[in-house]
Amino acid sequence: MSGIYIDLKNGQLVKAFVDAISGLRGSFKIKADRVLLDAKSIMGIYTLDLSKPVLLVIEPDAEDDLDLLKEFIL
């Protein structure tokens, strides 16, 4: 399991991120403060404080898909 910080500071980025990650087969979680949620859940992401970067936790089976998410990576 690895993680990278991503920036989802506005609604357009959140929608684009969820659209991009929903097509991937791997398991992705977002960790912000003490919360860990499914990265494919747009409603879950909107419950977070998006004024600062969040940690995208990537399971080992999904690491090959990172190229598709490079526009969100800090």
PDB file of N, CA and C in Angstrom:
ATOM      1  N   MET A   1       0.841  -1.170   0.000  1.00  0.00           N
ATOM      2  CA  MET A   1       0.000   0.000   0.000  1.00  0.00           C
ATOM      3  C   MET A   1       0.887   1.234   0.000  1.00  0.00           C
ATOM      4  N   SER A   2       0.569   2.168  -0.874  1.00  0.00           N
ATOM      5  CA  SER A   2       1.322   3.412  -0.929  1.00  0.00           C
ATOM      6  C   SER A   2       0.329   4.563  -0.981  1.00  0.00           C
ATOM      7  N   GLY A   3       0.835   5.767  -0.904  1.00  0.00           N
ATOM      8  CA  GLY A   3      -0.045   6.916  -0.931  1.00  0.00           C
ATOM      9  C   GLY A   3       0.619   8.111  -1.580  1.00  0.00           C
ATOM     10  N   ILE A   4      -0.213   8.963  -2.166  1.00  0.00           N
ATOM     11  CA  ILE A   4       0.255  10.208  -2.762  1.00  0.00           C
ATOM     12  C   ILE A   4      -0.752  11.300  -2.412  1.00  0.00           C
ATOM     13  N   TYR A   5      -0.267  12.511  -2.310  1.00  0.00           N
ATOM     14  CA  TYR A   5      -1.154  13.630  -2.034  1.00  0.00           C
ATOM     15  C   TYR A   5      -1.740  14.162  -3.329  1.00  0.00           C
ATOM     16  N   ILE A   6      -3.046  14.433  -3.284  1.00  0.00           N
ATOM     17  CA  ILE A   6      -3.746  14.979  -4.439  1.00  0.00           C
ATOM     18  C   ILE A   6      -4.471  16.256  -4.026  1.00  0.00           C
ATOM     19  N   ASP A   7      -4.741  17.093  -5.006  1.00  0.00           N
ATOM     20  CA  ASP A   7      -5.400  18.360  -4.765  1.00  0.00           C
ATOM     21  C   ASP A   7      -6.767  18.345  -5.437  1.00  0.00           C
ATOM     22  N   LEU A   8      -7.806  18.466  -4.643  1.00  0.00           N
ATOM     23  CA  LEU A   8      -9.180  18.479  -5.151  1.00  0.00           C
ATOM     24  C   LEU A   8      -9.878  19.733  -4.640  1.00  0.00           C
ATOM     25  N   LYS A   9      -9.302  20.881  -4.927  1.00  0.00           N
ATOM     26  CA  LYS A   9      -9.742  22.119  -4.285  1.00  0.00           C
ATOM     27  C   LYS A   9     -11.047  22.709  -4.816  1.00  0.00           C
ATOM     28  N   ASN A  10     -11.616  22.164  -5.876  1.00  0.00           N
ATOM     29  CA  ASN A  10     -12.903  22.682  -6.350  1.00  0.00           C
ATOM     30  C   ASN A  10     -13.760  21.547  -6.913  1.00  0.00           C
ATOM     31  N   GLY A  11     -15.020  21.856  -7.132  1.00  0.00           N
ATOM     32  CA  GLY A  11     -15.971  20.848  -7.593  1.00  0.00           C
ATOM     33  C   GLY A  11     -15.630  20.233  -8.929  1.00  0.00           C
ATOM     34  N   GLN A  12     -15.068  21.029  -9.830  1.00  0.00           N
ATOM     35  CA  GLN A  12     -14.689  20.496 -11.142  1.00  0.00           C
ATOM     36  C   GLN A  12     -13.594  19.444 -11.008  1.00  0.00           C
ATOM     37  N   LEU A  13     -12.622  19.692 -10.130  1.00  0.00           N
ATOM     38  CA  LEU A  13     -11.549  18.716  -9.918  1.00  0.00           C
ATOM     39  C   LEU A  13     -12.081  17.449  -9.259  1.00  0.00           C
ATOM     40  N   VAL A  14     -13.002  17.601  -8.314  1.00  0.00           N
ATOM     41  CA  VAL A  14     -13.582  16.423  -7.655  1.00  0.00           C
ATOM     42  C   VAL A  14     -14.312  15.563  -8.686  1.00  0.00           C
ATOM     43  N   LYS A  15     -15.130  16.179  -9.512  1.00  0.00           N
ATOM     44  CA  LYS A  15     -15.869  15.418 -10.530  1.00  0.00           C
ATOM     45  C   LYS A  15     -14.918  14.746 -11.520  1.00  0.00           C
ATOM     46  N   ALA A  16     -13.914  15.476 -11.993  1.00  0.00           N
ATOM     47  CA  ALA A  16     -12.951  14.905 -12.934  1.00  0.00           C
ATOM     48  C   ALA A  16     -12.186  13.750 -12.298  1.00  0.00           C
ATOM     49  N   PHE A  17     -11.819  13.900 -11.024  1.00  0.00           N
ATOM     50  CA  PHE A  17     -11.097  12.844 -10.314  1.00  0.00           C
ATOM     51  C   PHE A  17     -11.963  11.590 -10.192  1.00  0.00           C
ATOM     52  N   VAL A  18     -13.195  11.751  -9.734  1.00  0.00           N
ATOM     53  CA  VAL A  18     -14.081  10.592  -9.559  1.00  0.00           C
ATOM     54  C   VAL A  18     -14.366   9.934 -10.902  1.00  0.00           C
ATOM     55  N   ASP A  19     -14.554  10.720 -11.951  1.00  0.00           N
ATOM     56  CA  ASP A  19     -14.746  10.143 -13.287  1.00  0.00           C
ATOM     57  C   ASP A  19     -13.531   9.319 -13.707  1.00  0.00           C
ATOM     58  N   ALA A  20     -12.331   9.840 -13.444  1.00  0.00           N
ATOM     59  CA  ALA A  20     -11.098   9.146 -13.837  1.00  0.00           C
ATOM     60  C   ALA A  20     -10.885   7.881 -13.019  1.00  0.00           C
ATOM     61  N   ILE A  21     -11.100   7.974 -11.729  1.00  0.00           N
ATOM     62  CA  ILE A  21     -10.795   6.830 -10.855  1.00  0.00           C
ATOM     63  C   ILE A  21     -11.878   5.747 -10.915  1.00  0.00           C
ATOM     64  N   SER A  22     -13.087   6.125 -11.269  1.00  0.00           N
ATOM     65  CA  SER A  22     -14.171   5.145 -11.342  1.00  0.00           C
ATOM     66  C   SER A  22     -13.939   4.099 -12.430  1.00  0.00           C
ATOM     67  N   GLY A  23     -13.201   4.465 -13.450  1.00  0.00           N
ATOM     68  CA  GLY A  23     -12.908   3.523 -14.523  1.00  0.00           C
ATOM     69  C   GLY A  23     -11.760   2.574 -14.214  1.00  0.00           C
ATOM     70  N   LEU A  24     -11.109   2.762 -13.079  1.00  0.00           N
ATOM     71  CA  LEU A  24      -9.969   1.917 -12.714  1.00  0.00           C
ATOM     72  C   LEU A  24     -10.433   0.742 -11.863  1.00  0.00           C
ATOM     73  N   ARG A  25      -9.742  -0.360 -11.974  1.00  0.00           N
ATOM     74  CA  ARG A  25     -10.152  -1.585 -11.293  1.00  0.00           C
ATOM     75  C   ARG A  25      -9.612  -1.712  -9.878  1.00  0.00           C
ATOM     76  N   GLY A  26      -8.588  -0.985  -9.550  1.00  0.00           N
ATOM     77  CA  GLY A  26      -7.947  -1.137  -8.249  1.00  0.00           C
ATOM     78  C   GLY A  26      -8.743  -0.562  -7.100  1.00  0.00           C
ATOM     79  N   SER A  27      -8.186  -0.724  -5.910  1.00  0.00           N
ATOM     80  CA  SER A  27      -8.811  -0.222  -4.691  1.00  0.00           C
ATOM     81  C   SER A  27      -8.121   1.074  -4.277  1.00  0.00           C
ATOM     82  N   PHE A  28      -8.891   2.130  -4.148  1.00  0.00           N
ATOM     83  CA  PHE A  28      -8.370   3.447  -3.792  1.00  0.00           C
ATOM     84  C   PHE A  28      -9.160   3.999  -2.618  1.00  0.00           C
ATOM     85  N   LYS A  29      -8.466   4.580  -1.668  1.00  0.00           N
ATOM     86  CA  LYS A  29      -9.088   5.226  -0.515  1.00  0.00           C
ATOM     87  C   LYS A  29      -8.536   6.634  -0.397  1.00  0.00           C
ATOM     88  N   ILE A  30      -9.287   7.518   0.230  1.00  0.00           N
ATOM     89  CA  ILE A  30      -8.808   8.864   0.530  1.00  0.00           C
ATOM     90  C   ILE A  30      -8.753   8.995   2.040  1.00  0.00           C
ATOM     91  N   LYS A  31      -7.619   9.494   2.512  1.00  0.00           N
ATOM     92  CA  LYS A  31      -7.422   9.704   3.946  1.00  0.00           C
ATOM     93  C   LYS A  31      -7.237  11.189   4.182  1.00  0.00           C
ATOM     94  N   ALA A  32      -8.065  11.734   5.049  1.00  0.00           N
ATOM     95  CA  ALA A  32      -7.968  13.136   5.437  1.00  0.00           C
ATOM     96  C   ALA A  32      -8.231  13.200   6.936  1.00  0.00           C
ATOM     97  N   ASP A  33      -7.272  13.721   7.661  1.00  0.00           N
ATOM     98  CA  ASP A  33      -7.341  13.720   9.125  1.00  0.00           C
ATOM     99  C   ASP A  33      -7.540  12.283   9.607  1.00  0.00           C
ATOM    100  N   ARG A  34      -8.644  12.008  10.257  1.00  0.00           N
ATOM    101  CA  ARG A  34      -8.890  10.651  10.780  1.00  0.00           C
ATOM    102  C   ARG A  34      -9.895   9.869   9.944  1.00  0.00           C
ATOM    103  N   VAL A  35     -10.255  10.407   8.816  1.00  0.00           N
ATOM    104  CA  VAL A  35     -11.281   9.794   7.961  1.00  0.00           C
ATOM    105  C   VAL A  35     -10.630   9.018   6.825  1.00  0.00           C
ATOM    106  N   LEU A  36     -11.127   7.819   6.575  1.00  0.00           N
ATOM    107  CA  LEU A  36     -10.682   6.999   5.443  1.00  0.00           C
ATOM    108  C   LEU A  36     -11.940   6.594   4.682  1.00  0.00           C
ATOM    109  N   LEU A  37     -12.014   6.979   3.407  1.00  0.00           N
ATOM    110  CA  LEU A  37     -13.218   6.675   2.642  1.00  0.00           C
ATOM    111  C   LEU A  37     -12.876   6.207   1.238  1.00  0.00           C
ATOM    112  N   ASP A  38     -13.866   5.650   0.584  1.00  0.00           N
ATOM    113  CA  ASP A  38     -13.721   5.147  -0.780  1.00  0.00           C
ATOM    114  C   ASP A  38     -13.500   6.327  -1.724  1.00  0.00           C
ATOM    115  N   ALA A  39     -12.411   6.303  -2.481  1.00  0.00           N
ATOM    116  CA  ALA A  39     -12.073   7.404  -3.375  1.00  0.00           C
ATOM    117  C   ALA A  39     -13.016   7.499  -4.567  1.00  0.00           C
ATOM    118  N   LYS A  40     -13.825   6.491  -4.793  1.00  0.00           N
ATOM    119  CA  LYS A  40     -14.767   6.510  -5.909  1.00  0.00           C
ATOM    120  C   LYS A  40     -16.126   7.081  -5.502  1.00  0.00           C
ATOM    121  N   SER A  41     -16.247   7.529  -4.255  1.00  0.00           N
ATOM    122  CA  SER A  41     -17.493   8.070  -3.736  1.00  0.00           C
ATOM    123  C   SER A  41     -17.472   9.596  -3.782  1.00  0.00           C
ATOM    124  N   ILE A  42     -18.169  10.175  -4.750  1.00  0.00           N
ATOM    125  CA  ILE A  42     -18.179  11.626  -4.882  1.00  0.00           C
ATOM    126  C   ILE A  42     -18.823  12.278  -3.659  1.00  0.00           C
ATOM    127  N   MET A  43     -19.870  11.678  -3.118  1.00  0.00           N
ATOM    128  CA  MET A  43     -20.523  12.238  -1.933  1.00  0.00           C
ATOM    129  C   MET A  43     -19.598  12.171  -0.726  1.00  0.00           C
ATOM    130  N   GLY A  44     -18.845  11.102  -0.602  1.00  0.00           N
ATOM    131  CA  GLY A  44     -17.887  10.994   0.499  1.00  0.00           C
ATOM    132  C   GLY A  44     -16.805  12.053   0.405  1.00  0.00           C
ATOM    133  N   ILE A  45     -16.308  12.294  -0.783  1.00  0.00           N
ATOM    134  CA  ILE A  45     -15.253  13.294  -0.974  1.00  0.00           C
ATOM    135  C   ILE A  45     -15.757  14.681  -0.607  1.00  0.00           C
ATOM    136  N   TYR A  46     -17.001  14.989  -0.944  1.00  0.00           N
ATOM    137  CA  TYR A  46     -17.544  16.306  -0.627  1.00  0.00           C
ATOM    138  C   TYR A  46     -17.725  16.531   0.873  1.00  0.00           C
ATOM    139  N   THR A  47     -17.652  15.492   1.688  1.00  0.00           N
ATOM    140  CA  THR A  47     -17.749  15.679   3.138  1.00  0.00           C
ATOM    141  C   THR A  47     -16.428  16.116   3.751  1.00  0.00           C
ATOM    142  N   LEU A  48     -15.354  16.080   2.975  1.00  0.00           N
ATOM    143  CA  LEU A  48     -14.020  16.408   3.477  1.00  0.00           C
ATOM    144  C   LEU A  48     -13.711  17.897   3.350  1.00  0.00           C
ATOM    145  N   ASP A  49     -12.730  18.347   4.108  1.00  0.00           N
ATOM    146  CA  ASP A  49     -12.197  19.703   3.962  1.00  0.00           C
ATOM    147  C   ASP A  49     -11.244  19.665   2.778  1.00  0.00           C
ATOM    148  N   LEU A  50     -11.659  20.212   1.658  1.00  0.00           N
ATOM    149  CA  LEU A  50     -10.872  20.147   0.429  1.00  0.00           C
ATOM    150  C   LEU A  50     -10.009  21.389   0.218  1.00  0.00           C
ATOM    151  N   SER A  51      -9.885  22.209   1.242  1.00  0.00           N
ATOM    152  CA  SER A  51      -9.036  23.397   1.128  1.00  0.00           C
ATOM    153  C   SER A  51      -7.554  23.041   1.213  1.00  0.00           C
ATOM    154  N   LYS A  52      -7.278  21.802   1.614  1.00  0.00           N
ATOM    155  CA  LYS A  52      -5.894  21.325   1.672  1.00  0.00           C
ATOM    156  C   LYS A  52      -5.816  19.966   0.978  1.00  0.00           C
ATOM    157  N   PRO A  53      -4.625  19.566   0.568  1.00  0.00           N
ATOM    158  CA  PRO A  53      -4.483  18.272  -0.123  1.00  0.00           C
ATOM    159  C   PRO A  53      -4.921  17.099   0.753  1.00  0.00           C
ATOM    160  N   VAL A  54      -5.357  16.039   0.103  1.00  0.00           N
ATOM    161  CA  VAL A  54      -5.749  14.813   0.793  1.00  0.00           C
ATOM    162  C   VAL A  54      -4.844  13.678   0.303  1.00  0.00           C
ATOM    163  N   LEU A  55      -4.748  12.639   1.106  1.00  0.00           N
ATOM    164  CA  LEU A  55      -3.892  11.502   0.778  1.00  0.00           C
ATOM    165  C   LEU A  55      -4.700  10.439   0.047  1.00  0.00           C
ATOM    166  N   LEU A  56      -4.270  10.098  -1.160  1.00  0.00           N
ATOM    167  CA  LEU A  56      -4.864   9.006  -1.914  1.00  0.00           C
ATOM    168  C   LEU A  56      -4.077   7.749  -1.589  1.00  0.00           C
ATOM    169  N   VAL A  57      -4.735   6.787  -0.943  1.00  0.00           N
ATOM    170  CA  VAL A  57      -4.104   5.528  -0.551  1.00  0.00           C
ATOM    171  C   VAL A  57      -4.353   4.523  -1.665  1.00  0.00           C
ATOM    172  N   ILE A  58      -3.266   3.954  -2.172  1.00  0.00           N
ATOM    173  CA  ILE A  58      -3.337   3.070  -3.335  1.00  0.00           C
ATOM    174  C   ILE A  58      -2.928   1.664  -2.932  1.00  0.00           C
ATOM    175  N   GLU A  59      -3.811   0.726  -3.192  1.00  0.00           N
ATOM    176  CA  GLU A  59      -3.488  -0.670  -2.933  1.00  0.00           C
ATOM    177  C   GLU A  59      -2.496  -1.160  -3.991  1.00  0.00           C
ATOM    178  N   PRO A  60      -1.662  -2.133  -3.658  1.00  0.00           N
ATOM    179  CA  PRO A  60      -0.616  -2.584  -4.595  1.00  0.00           C
ATOM    180  C   PRO A  60      -1.133  -2.996  -5.969  1.00  0.00           C
ATOM    181  N   ASP A  61      -2.334  -3.518  -6.042  1.00  0.00           N
ATOM    182  CA  ASP A  61      -2.859  -3.967  -7.330  1.00  0.00           C
ATOM    183  C   ASP A  61      -3.251  -2.810  -8.245  1.00  0.00           C
ATOM    184  N   ALA A  62      -3.222  -1.574  -7.749  1.00  0.00           N
ATOM    185  CA  ALA A  62      -3.668  -0.427  -8.536  1.00  0.00           C
ATOM    186  C   ALA A  62      -2.540   0.529  -8.902  1.00  0.00           C
ATOM    187  N   GLU A  63      -1.318   0.251  -8.515  1.00  0.00           N
ATOM    188  CA  GLU A  63      -0.223   1.189  -8.745  1.00  0.00           C
ATOM    189  C   GLU A  63       0.066   1.432 -10.219  1.00  0.00           C
ATOM    190  N   ASP A  64      -0.260   0.506 -11.078  1.00  0.00           N
ATOM    191  CA  ASP A  64      -0.007   0.676 -12.507  1.00  0.00           C
ATOM    192  C   ASP A  64      -0.922   1.721 -13.142  1.00  0.00           C
ATOM    193  N   ASP A  65      -1.991   2.088 -12.470  1.00  0.00           N
ATOM    194  CA  ASP A  65      -2.970   3.018 -13.017  1.00  0.00           C
ATOM    195  C   ASP A  65      -2.673   4.480 -12.686  1.00  0.00           C
ATOM    196  N   LEU A  66      -1.563   4.774 -12.033  1.00  0.00           N
ATOM    197  CA  LEU A  66      -1.269   6.135 -11.595  1.00  0.00           C
ATOM    198  C   LEU A  66      -1.124   7.126 -12.742  1.00  0.00           C
ATOM    199  N   ASP A  67      -0.718   6.689 -13.898  1.00  0.00           N
ATOM    200  CA  ASP A  67      -0.569   7.607 -15.032  1.00  0.00           C
ATOM    201  C   ASP A  67      -1.885   8.293 -15.375  1.00  0.00           C
ATOM    202  N   LEU A  68      -2.991   7.623 -15.159  1.00  0.00           N
ATOM    203  CA  LEU A  68      -4.293   8.204 -15.474  1.00  0.00           C
ATOM    204  C   LEU A  68      -4.716   9.274 -14.469  1.00  0.00           C
ATOM    205  N   LEU A  69      -4.019   9.350 -13.339  1.00  0.00           N
ATOM    206  CA  LEU A  69      -4.382  10.301 -12.291  1.00  0.00           C
ATOM    207  C   LEU A  69      -3.358  11.418 -12.111  1.00  0.00           C
ATOM    208  N   LYS A  70      -2.405  11.528 -13.025  1.00  0.00           N
ATOM    209  CA  LYS A  70      -1.297  12.459 -12.818  1.00  0.00           C
ATOM    210  C   LYS A  70      -1.706  13.927 -12.748  1.00  0.00           C
ATOM    211  N   GLU A  71      -2.844  14.307 -13.305  1.00  0.00           N
ATOM    212  CA  GLU A  71      -3.253  15.717 -13.242  1.00  0.00           C
ATOM    213  C   GLU A  71      -3.688  16.144 -11.838  1.00  0.00           C
ATOM    214  N   PHE A  72      -3.952  15.187 -10.948  1.00  0.00           N
ATOM    215  CA  PHE A  72      -4.396  15.500  -9.593  1.00  0.00           C
ATOM    216  C   PHE A  72      -3.262  15.398  -8.570  1.00  0.00           C
ATOM    217  N   ILE A  73      -2.152  14.802  -8.947  1.00  0.00           N
ATOM    218  CA  ILE A  73      -1.046  14.549  -8.030  1.00  0.00           C
ATOM    219  C   ILE A  73      -0.243  15.817  -7.799  1.00  0.00           C
ATOM    220  N   LEU A  74       0.073  16.065  -6.547  1.00  0.00           N
ATOM    221  CA  LEU A  74       0.892  17.245  -6.213  1.00  0.00           C
ATOM    222  C   LEU A  74       2.356  16.952  -6.416  1.00  0.00           C
TER     223      LEU A  74
END
